[in-house]
């Protein structure tokens, strides 16, 4: 264990845009949505904490894996830009091209690339837990949004 400024920057780059919800909340508010269940939500939370701590605590040398990590973060930030233009909650879960739930997928891809960069089995475990929980919960909300829009006149 040690300290990784690159890992810390990756974690902050993924986490920081979420603070935008505090200053640029969706125009209609944040609807209450169910989760995919307590087990998946617990996996998501454990993965989030594990990834943030382990990214900062796992020294890593720059490798080519930082390129897909940076690209995934750039796409993620662009998706936040898409949300900020309209401040529509559904845009947090809307597809990009044909990619479903991209705002859940691209941070996970960035963390997976950072995991390969650090070559840490503990970070891989945390990333897998986050991926399972986060993608399942996001898919659940996406489906709720789609069902609500289909039933609205």
N, C-alpha and C. Protein backbone atom coordinates (compact mmCIF):
# COMPACT_ATOMS: atom_id res chain seq x y z
N UNK A 1 0.84 -1.18 0.00
CA UNK A 1 0.00 0.00 0.00
C UNK A 1 0.88 1.24 0.00
N UNK A 2 0.34 2.30 -0.53
CA UNK A 2 1.05 3.55 -0.59
C UNK A 2 0.08 4.65 -0.98
N UNK A 3 0.51 5.53 -1.84
CA UNK A 3 -0.35 6.61 -2.31
C UNK A 3 -0.19 6.74 -3.81
N UNK A 4 -1.30 6.94 -4.49
CA UNK A 4 -1.29 7.10 -5.94
C UNK A 4 -2.01 8.38 -6.32
N UNK A 5 -1.26 9.42 -6.68
CA UNK A 5 -1.92 10.65 -7.12
C UNK A 5 -2.79 10.41 -8.36
N UNK A 6 -2.33 9.56 -9.26
CA UNK A 6 -3.11 9.25 -10.47
C UNK A 6 -4.42 8.57 -10.08
N UNK A 7 -4.34 7.62 -9.19
CA UNK A 7 -5.54 6.93 -8.73
C UNK A 7 -6.51 7.88 -8.05
N UNK A 8 -5.97 8.76 -7.22
CA UNK A 8 -6.82 9.75 -6.55
C UNK A 8 -7.51 10.65 -7.58
N UNK A 9 -6.77 11.09 -8.59
CA UNK A 9 -7.35 11.94 -9.63
C UNK A 9 -8.44 11.21 -10.41
N UNK A 10 -8.22 9.94 -10.69
CA UNK A 10 -9.25 9.16 -11.41
C UNK A 10 -10.50 9.06 -10.55
N UNK A 11 -10.33 8.74 -9.27
CA UNK A 11 -11.48 8.65 -8.38
C UNK A 11 -12.24 9.96 -8.27
N UNK A 12 -11.51 11.06 -8.12
CA UNK A 12 -12.16 12.38 -8.02
C UNK A 12 -12.83 12.77 -9.33
N UNK A 13 -12.20 12.43 -10.46
CA UNK A 13 -12.78 12.77 -11.76
C UNK A 13 -14.10 12.04 -11.98
N UNK A 14 -14.24 10.86 -11.41
CA UNK A 14 -15.48 10.10 -11.53
C UNK A 14 -16.51 10.57 -10.51
N UNK A 15 -16.06 10.88 -9.32
CA UNK A 15 -16.98 11.26 -8.24
C UNK A 15 -17.44 12.71 -8.32
N UNK A 16 -16.57 13.62 -8.67
CA UNK A 16 -16.85 15.06 -8.61
C UNK A 16 -18.10 15.50 -9.36
N UNK A 17 -18.35 15.03 -10.58
CA UNK A 17 -19.54 15.53 -11.29
C UNK A 17 -20.85 15.25 -10.56
N UNK A 18 -20.87 14.24 -9.69
CA UNK A 18 -22.10 13.94 -8.96
C UNK A 18 -22.52 15.10 -8.05
N UNK A 19 -21.56 15.93 -7.65
CA UNK A 19 -21.87 17.10 -6.82
C UNK A 19 -22.73 18.10 -7.60
N UNK A 20 -22.73 17.99 -8.92
CA UNK A 20 -23.55 18.88 -9.74
C UNK A 20 -25.04 18.73 -9.41
N UNK A 21 -25.44 17.56 -8.94
CA UNK A 21 -26.85 17.37 -8.60
C UNK A 21 -27.27 18.28 -7.44
N UNK A 22 -26.31 18.68 -6.61
CA UNK A 22 -26.62 19.58 -5.50
C UNK A 22 -26.83 21.01 -5.97
N UNK A 23 -26.10 21.41 -6.99
CA UNK A 23 -26.20 22.80 -7.46
C UNK A 23 -27.02 22.92 -8.75
N UNK A 24 -27.22 21.85 -9.45
CA UNK A 24 -28.00 21.86 -10.69
C UNK A 24 -28.95 20.66 -10.68
N UNK A 25 -29.84 20.66 -9.69
CA UNK A 25 -30.79 19.56 -9.56
C UNK A 25 -31.69 19.49 -10.79
N UNK A 26 -32.23 18.32 -11.06
CA UNK A 26 -33.15 18.20 -12.19
C UNK A 26 -34.33 19.15 -12.01
N UNK A 27 -34.82 19.70 -13.11
CA UNK A 27 -35.91 20.69 -13.07
C UNK A 27 -37.16 20.14 -12.39
N UNK A 28 -37.47 18.90 -12.59
CA UNK A 28 -38.64 18.29 -11.96
C UNK A 28 -38.33 17.64 -10.62
N UNK A 29 -37.12 17.84 -10.12
CA UNK A 29 -36.70 17.18 -8.89
C UNK A 29 -36.18 15.79 -9.18
N UNK A 30 -35.68 15.17 -8.15
CA UNK A 30 -35.18 13.80 -8.27
C UNK A 30 -36.29 12.87 -7.81
N UNK A 31 -36.87 12.12 -8.73
CA UNK A 31 -37.96 11.22 -8.34
C UNK A 31 -37.44 10.08 -7.47
N UNK A 32 -38.31 9.61 -6.61
CA UNK A 32 -37.93 8.44 -5.82
C UNK A 32 -38.06 7.22 -6.71
N UNK A 33 -37.03 6.46 -6.72
CA UNK A 33 -37.02 5.25 -7.53
C UNK A 33 -36.53 4.11 -6.66
N UNK A 34 -37.07 2.96 -6.89
CA UNK A 34 -36.64 1.80 -6.14
C UNK A 34 -35.25 1.37 -6.59
N UNK A 35 -34.70 0.44 -5.87
CA UNK A 35 -33.40 -0.10 -6.25
C UNK A 35 -33.60 -1.52 -6.74
N UNK A 36 -32.53 -2.12 -7.18
CA UNK A 36 -32.60 -3.49 -7.66
C UNK A 36 -32.53 -4.48 -6.50
N UNK A 37 -32.55 -3.97 -5.28
CA UNK A 37 -32.54 -4.83 -4.10
C UNK A 37 -31.40 -4.49 -3.16
N UNK A 38 -31.54 -4.90 -1.94
CA UNK A 38 -30.56 -4.54 -0.90
C UNK A 38 -29.19 -5.17 -1.15
N UNK A 39 -29.14 -6.36 -1.68
CA UNK A 39 -27.86 -7.02 -1.93
C UNK A 39 -27.08 -6.27 -3.00
N UNK A 40 -27.76 -5.93 -4.10
CA UNK A 40 -27.08 -5.22 -5.17
C UNK A 40 -26.70 -3.80 -4.75
N UNK A 41 -27.55 -3.17 -3.95
CA UNK A 41 -27.22 -1.83 -3.46
C UNK A 41 -26.03 -1.89 -2.51
N UNK A 42 -25.97 -2.89 -1.66
CA UNK A 42 -24.83 -3.07 -0.75
C UNK A 42 -23.55 -3.32 -1.54
N UNK A 43 -23.63 -4.13 -2.59
CA UNK A 43 -22.46 -4.36 -3.46
C UNK A 43 -22.00 -3.06 -4.10
N UNK A 44 -22.96 -2.26 -4.57
CA UNK A 44 -22.63 -0.99 -5.19
C UNK A 44 -21.90 -0.08 -4.20
N UNK A 45 -22.45 0.07 -3.01
CA UNK A 45 -21.84 0.96 -2.01
C UNK A 45 -20.46 0.45 -1.58
N UNK A 46 -20.34 -0.84 -1.35
CA UNK A 46 -19.04 -1.40 -0.97
C UNK A 46 -18.03 -1.19 -2.10
N UNK A 47 -18.48 -1.37 -3.33
CA UNK A 47 -17.60 -1.16 -4.48
C UNK A 47 -17.18 0.30 -4.61
N UNK A 48 -18.10 1.23 -4.38
CA UNK A 48 -17.77 2.65 -4.45
C UNK A 48 -16.69 3.00 -3.43
N UNK A 49 -16.91 2.60 -2.20
CA UNK A 49 -15.94 2.91 -1.14
C UNK A 49 -14.61 2.22 -1.43
N UNK A 50 -14.68 0.95 -1.78
CA UNK A 50 -13.45 0.20 -2.08
C UNK A 50 -12.67 0.81 -3.22
N UNK A 51 -13.35 1.18 -4.28
CA UNK A 51 -12.66 1.76 -5.44
C UNK A 51 -11.99 3.08 -5.09
N UNK A 52 -12.70 3.95 -4.39
CA UNK A 52 -12.12 5.25 -4.06
C UNK A 52 -10.91 5.11 -3.15
N UNK A 53 -11.03 4.28 -2.14
CA UNK A 53 -9.91 4.09 -1.21
C UNK A 53 -8.74 3.39 -1.89
N UNK A 54 -9.04 2.31 -2.59
CA UNK A 54 -7.96 1.53 -3.21
C UNK A 54 -7.29 2.25 -4.37
N UNK A 55 -8.04 3.07 -5.11
CA UNK A 55 -7.41 3.84 -6.19
C UNK A 55 -6.34 4.77 -5.62
N UNK A 56 -6.67 5.42 -4.52
CA UNK A 56 -5.73 6.36 -3.92
C UNK A 56 -4.60 5.65 -3.17
N UNK A 57 -4.84 4.42 -2.73
CA UNK A 57 -3.87 3.72 -1.90
C UNK A 57 -3.03 2.69 -2.66
N UNK A 58 -3.26 2.55 -3.95
CA UNK A 58 -2.53 1.55 -4.73
C UNK A 58 -1.59 2.25 -5.71
N UNK A 59 -0.30 2.29 -5.39
CA UNK A 59 0.64 2.93 -6.31
C UNK A 59 0.63 2.23 -7.66
N UNK A 60 0.70 3.03 -8.70
CA UNK A 60 0.68 2.47 -10.05
C UNK A 60 1.57 3.32 -10.94
N UNK A 61 2.16 2.69 -11.91
CA UNK A 61 2.94 3.38 -12.91
C UNK A 61 2.04 3.68 -14.11
N UNK A 62 2.28 4.79 -14.78
CA UNK A 62 1.48 5.05 -15.98
C UNK A 62 1.69 3.94 -17.01
N UNK A 63 0.59 3.44 -17.52
CA UNK A 63 0.61 2.41 -18.56
C UNK A 63 -0.39 2.83 -19.63
N UNK A 64 -0.42 2.11 -20.73
CA UNK A 64 -1.42 2.43 -21.76
C UNK A 64 -2.87 2.31 -21.28
N UNK A 65 -3.11 1.63 -20.15
CA UNK A 65 -4.47 1.50 -19.63
C UNK A 65 -5.05 2.83 -19.19
N UNK A 66 -4.20 3.83 -19.00
CA UNK A 66 -4.70 5.15 -18.62
C UNK A 66 -5.43 5.83 -19.79
N UNK A 67 -5.14 5.39 -21.02
CA UNK A 67 -5.81 5.99 -22.19
C UNK A 67 -7.30 5.64 -22.19
N UNK A 68 -7.68 4.36 -22.08
CA UNK A 68 -9.13 4.08 -22.03
C UNK A 68 -9.78 4.63 -20.75
N UNK A 69 -9.03 4.71 -19.66
CA UNK A 69 -9.58 5.31 -18.45
C UNK A 69 -9.92 6.77 -18.70
N UNK A 70 -8.98 7.51 -19.29
CA UNK A 70 -9.20 8.93 -19.58
C UNK A 70 -10.32 9.12 -20.61
N UNK A 71 -10.37 8.26 -21.61
CA UNK A 71 -11.43 8.37 -22.63
C UNK A 71 -12.80 8.11 -22.01
N UNK A 72 -12.89 7.13 -21.14
CA UNK A 72 -14.16 6.83 -20.47
C UNK A 72 -14.60 7.99 -19.59
N UNK A 73 -13.65 8.60 -18.88
CA UNK A 73 -13.97 9.75 -18.04
C UNK A 73 -14.41 10.93 -18.91
N UNK A 74 -13.75 11.14 -20.04
CA UNK A 74 -14.13 12.24 -20.93
C UNK A 74 -15.56 12.06 -21.45
N UNK A 75 -15.91 10.85 -21.83
CA UNK A 75 -17.28 10.58 -22.29
C UNK A 75 -18.27 10.79 -21.15
N UNK A 76 -17.90 10.33 -19.96
CA UNK A 76 -18.74 10.52 -18.77
C UNK A 76 -18.99 12.00 -18.51
N UNK A 77 -17.95 12.81 -18.59
CA UNK A 77 -18.11 14.25 -18.39
C UNK A 77 -18.97 14.87 -19.49
N UNK A 78 -18.81 14.40 -20.71
CA UNK A 78 -19.64 14.91 -21.81
C UNK A 78 -21.12 14.58 -21.55
N UNK A 79 -21.38 13.41 -20.99
CA UNK A 79 -22.75 13.04 -20.65
C UNK A 79 -23.30 13.93 -19.53
N UNK A 80 -22.44 14.33 -18.61
CA UNK A 80 -22.87 15.29 -17.59
C UNK A 80 -23.21 16.62 -18.26
N UNK A 81 -22.45 16.99 -19.27
CA UNK A 81 -22.76 18.20 -20.03
C UNK A 81 -24.12 18.10 -20.70
N UNK A 82 -24.43 16.94 -21.25
CA UNK A 82 -25.75 16.71 -21.86
C UNK A 82 -26.84 16.91 -20.82
N UNK A 83 -26.63 16.38 -19.62
CA UNK A 83 -27.61 16.55 -18.55
C UNK A 83 -27.75 18.03 -18.17
N UNK A 84 -26.63 18.73 -18.01
CA UNK A 84 -26.66 20.12 -17.56
C UNK A 84 -27.41 21.04 -18.53
N UNK A 85 -27.34 20.74 -19.82
CA UNK A 85 -28.04 21.57 -20.80
C UNK A 85 -29.56 21.55 -20.58
N UNK A 86 -30.11 20.41 -20.20
CA UNK A 86 -31.57 20.28 -20.05
C UNK A 86 -32.00 20.09 -18.59
N UNK A 87 -31.11 19.61 -17.76
CA UNK A 87 -31.40 19.29 -16.36
C UNK A 87 -32.64 18.40 -16.23
N UNK A 88 -32.67 17.40 -17.08
CA UNK A 88 -33.75 16.41 -17.10
C UNK A 88 -33.21 15.14 -16.45
N UNK A 89 -33.86 14.70 -15.37
CA UNK A 89 -33.40 13.52 -14.62
C UNK A 89 -33.22 12.30 -15.54
N UNK A 90 -34.12 12.13 -16.50
CA UNK A 90 -34.06 10.97 -17.39
C UNK A 90 -32.75 10.93 -18.18
N UNK A 91 -32.13 12.09 -18.41
CA UNK A 91 -30.86 12.10 -19.16
C UNK A 91 -29.72 11.45 -18.40
N UNK A 92 -29.86 11.32 -17.10
CA UNK A 92 -28.83 10.61 -16.32
C UNK A 92 -28.81 9.12 -16.65
N UNK A 93 -29.88 8.64 -17.26
CA UNK A 93 -30.00 7.21 -17.58
C UNK A 93 -30.24 6.97 -19.07
N UNK A 94 -30.35 8.02 -19.85
CA UNK A 94 -30.67 7.89 -21.27
C UNK A 94 -29.52 7.25 -22.05
N UNK A 95 -29.86 6.46 -23.05
CA UNK A 95 -28.82 5.82 -23.87
C UNK A 95 -27.97 6.84 -24.63
N UNK A 96 -26.79 6.42 -24.99
CA UNK A 96 -25.89 7.17 -25.86
C UNK A 96 -25.67 6.30 -27.08
N UNK A 97 -26.08 6.79 -28.23
CA UNK A 97 -26.10 5.97 -29.44
C UNK A 97 -26.95 4.75 -29.13
N UNK A 98 -26.39 3.59 -29.09
CA UNK A 98 -27.15 2.38 -28.71
C UNK A 98 -26.65 1.80 -27.40
N UNK A 99 -25.90 2.58 -26.66
CA UNK A 99 -25.34 2.11 -25.39
C UNK A 99 -26.32 2.48 -24.27
N UNK A 100 -26.92 1.47 -23.62
CA UNK A 100 -27.83 1.77 -22.52
C UNK A 100 -27.06 2.21 -21.27
N UNK A 101 -27.69 2.98 -20.45
CA UNK A 101 -27.16 3.51 -19.19
C UNK A 101 -25.66 3.89 -19.25
N UNK A 102 -25.30 4.76 -20.19
CA UNK A 102 -23.89 5.09 -20.35
C UNK A 102 -23.28 5.82 -19.15
N UNK A 103 -24.11 6.55 -18.39
CA UNK A 103 -23.57 7.26 -17.23
C UNK A 103 -23.27 6.31 -16.08
N UNK A 104 -23.72 5.09 -16.18
CA UNK A 104 -23.33 4.05 -15.24
C UNK A 104 -22.18 3.23 -15.82
N UNK A 105 -22.20 3.02 -17.12
CA UNK A 105 -21.20 2.17 -17.77
C UNK A 105 -19.82 2.82 -17.85
N UNK A 106 -19.74 4.08 -18.27
CA UNK A 106 -18.42 4.67 -18.51
C UNK A 106 -17.58 4.86 -17.24
N UNK A 107 -18.16 5.20 -16.09
CA UNK A 107 -17.32 5.23 -14.88
C UNK A 107 -16.79 3.84 -14.52
N UNK A 108 -17.61 2.83 -14.73
CA UNK A 108 -17.17 1.46 -14.46
C UNK A 108 -16.03 1.07 -15.41
N UNK A 109 -16.16 1.45 -16.68
CA UNK A 109 -15.08 1.16 -17.64
C UNK A 109 -13.80 1.90 -17.25
N UNK A 110 -13.93 3.14 -16.80
CA UNK A 110 -12.75 3.89 -16.35
C UNK A 110 -12.09 3.20 -15.16
N UNK A 111 -12.90 2.73 -14.23
CA UNK A 111 -12.35 2.03 -13.06
C UNK A 111 -11.72 0.70 -13.45
N UNK A 112 -12.32 0.01 -14.41
CA UNK A 112 -11.74 -1.25 -14.88
C UNK A 112 -10.37 -1.00 -15.51
N UNK A 113 -10.27 0.06 -16.31
CA UNK A 113 -8.97 0.40 -16.93
C UNK A 113 -7.97 0.82 -15.85
N UNK A 114 -8.41 1.58 -14.86
CA UNK A 114 -7.53 1.97 -13.76
C UNK A 114 -7.07 0.75 -12.96
N UNK A 115 -7.97 -0.22 -12.83
CA UNK A 115 -7.60 -1.47 -12.15
C UNK A 115 -6.50 -2.20 -12.91
N UNK A 116 -6.65 -2.25 -14.22
CA UNK A 116 -5.61 -2.90 -15.04
C UNK A 116 -4.31 -2.11 -14.98
N UNK A 117 -4.41 -0.79 -14.88
CA UNK A 117 -3.22 0.04 -14.75
C UNK A 117 -2.50 -0.25 -13.44
N UNK A 118 -3.26 -0.38 -12.35
CA UNK A 118 -2.66 -0.63 -11.03
C UNK A 118 -2.32 -2.10 -10.80
N UNK A 119 -2.93 -2.96 -11.55
CA UNK A 119 -2.73 -4.40 -11.45
C UNK A 119 -2.94 -4.88 -10.02
N UNK A 120 -4.11 -4.50 -9.46
CA UNK A 120 -4.44 -4.82 -8.08
C UNK A 120 -5.63 -5.76 -8.01
N UNK A 121 -5.45 -6.95 -7.43
CA UNK A 121 -6.59 -7.86 -7.31
C UNK A 121 -7.67 -7.30 -6.37
N UNK A 122 -7.28 -6.52 -5.36
CA UNK A 122 -8.25 -5.94 -4.43
C UNK A 122 -9.09 -4.87 -5.14
N UNK A 123 -8.44 -4.07 -5.95
CA UNK A 123 -9.15 -3.06 -6.72
C UNK A 123 -10.05 -3.73 -7.76
N UNK A 124 -9.61 -4.84 -8.32
CA UNK A 124 -10.43 -5.59 -9.27
C UNK A 124 -11.70 -6.11 -8.58
N UNK A 125 -11.56 -6.60 -7.37
CA UNK A 125 -12.72 -7.08 -6.62
C UNK A 125 -13.70 -5.94 -6.32
N UNK A 126 -13.16 -4.79 -5.90
CA UNK A 126 -14.01 -3.63 -5.61
C UNK A 126 -14.70 -3.14 -6.89
N UNK A 127 -13.98 -3.14 -8.00
CA UNK A 127 -14.55 -2.70 -9.28
C UNK A 127 -15.64 -3.66 -9.73
N UNK A 128 -15.42 -4.95 -9.55
CA UNK A 128 -16.45 -5.93 -9.92
C UNK A 128 -17.70 -5.75 -9.07
N UNK A 129 -17.53 -5.54 -7.76
CA UNK A 129 -18.68 -5.31 -6.88
C UNK A 129 -19.44 -4.06 -7.31
N UNK A 130 -18.70 -3.00 -7.58
CA UNK A 130 -19.33 -1.76 -8.03
C UNK A 130 -20.06 -1.98 -9.35
N UNK A 131 -19.41 -2.66 -10.28
CA UNK A 131 -20.02 -2.88 -11.60
C UNK A 131 -21.34 -3.64 -11.46
N UNK A 132 -21.35 -4.70 -10.71
CA UNK A 132 -22.57 -5.50 -10.55
C UNK A 132 -23.68 -4.66 -9.93
N UNK A 133 -23.39 -4.02 -8.82
CA UNK A 133 -24.42 -3.25 -8.13
C UNK A 133 -24.85 -2.01 -8.88
N UNK A 134 -23.89 -1.24 -9.38
CA UNK A 134 -24.20 0.03 -10.04
C UNK A 134 -24.96 -0.19 -11.35
N UNK A 135 -24.51 -1.13 -12.14
CA UNK A 135 -25.19 -1.38 -13.41
C UNK A 135 -26.60 -1.93 -13.18
N UNK A 136 -26.75 -2.82 -12.20
CA UNK A 136 -28.09 -3.36 -11.91
C UNK A 136 -29.03 -2.28 -11.39
N UNK A 137 -28.57 -1.45 -10.47
CA UNK A 137 -29.42 -0.37 -9.94
C UNK A 137 -29.75 0.65 -11.02
N UNK A 138 -28.78 1.01 -11.83
CA UNK A 138 -29.02 1.98 -12.90
C UNK A 138 -30.00 1.42 -13.93
N UNK A 139 -29.85 0.16 -14.27
CA UNK A 139 -30.77 -0.47 -15.22
C UNK A 139 -32.19 -0.47 -14.65
N UNK A 140 -32.30 -0.71 -13.36
CA UNK A 140 -33.61 -0.71 -12.69
C UNK A 140 -34.27 0.67 -12.81
N UNK A 141 -33.52 1.74 -12.53
CA UNK A 141 -34.06 3.10 -12.64
C UNK A 141 -34.39 3.42 -14.10
N UNK A 142 -33.53 3.03 -15.01
CA UNK A 142 -33.77 3.27 -16.44
C UNK A 142 -35.10 2.64 -16.87
N UNK A 143 -35.34 1.42 -16.43
CA UNK A 143 -36.58 0.74 -16.79
C UNK A 143 -37.79 1.42 -16.17
N UNK A 144 -37.65 1.92 -14.93
CA UNK A 144 -38.74 2.66 -14.30
C UNK A 144 -39.06 3.95 -15.07
N UNK A 145 -38.02 4.64 -15.48
CA UNK A 145 -38.20 5.88 -16.26
C UNK A 145 -38.90 5.56 -17.58
N UNK A 146 -38.44 4.51 -18.26
CA UNK A 146 -39.05 4.13 -19.53
C UNK A 146 -40.51 3.74 -19.35
N UNK A 147 -40.82 3.01 -18.29
CA UNK A 147 -42.21 2.59 -18.04
C UNK A 147 -43.08 3.81 -17.73
N UNK A 148 -42.55 4.75 -16.98
CA UNK A 148 -43.32 5.96 -16.65
C UNK A 148 -43.59 6.78 -17.90
N UNK A 149 -42.61 6.90 -18.75
CA UNK A 149 -42.79 7.69 -19.99
C UNK A 149 -43.77 7.01 -20.94
N UNK A 150 -43.76 5.67 -20.96
CA UNK A 150 -44.71 4.96 -21.83
C UNK A 150 -46.14 5.13 -21.32
N UNK A 151 -46.34 5.20 -20.00
CA UNK A 151 -47.68 5.29 -19.45
C UNK A 151 -48.20 6.72 -19.35
N UNK A 152 -47.31 7.71 -19.56
CA UNK A 152 -47.74 9.11 -19.51
C UNK A 152 -48.43 9.49 -20.81
N UNK A 153 -49.50 10.31 -20.69
CA UNK A 153 -50.20 10.73 -21.93
C UNK A 153 -49.40 11.71 -22.73
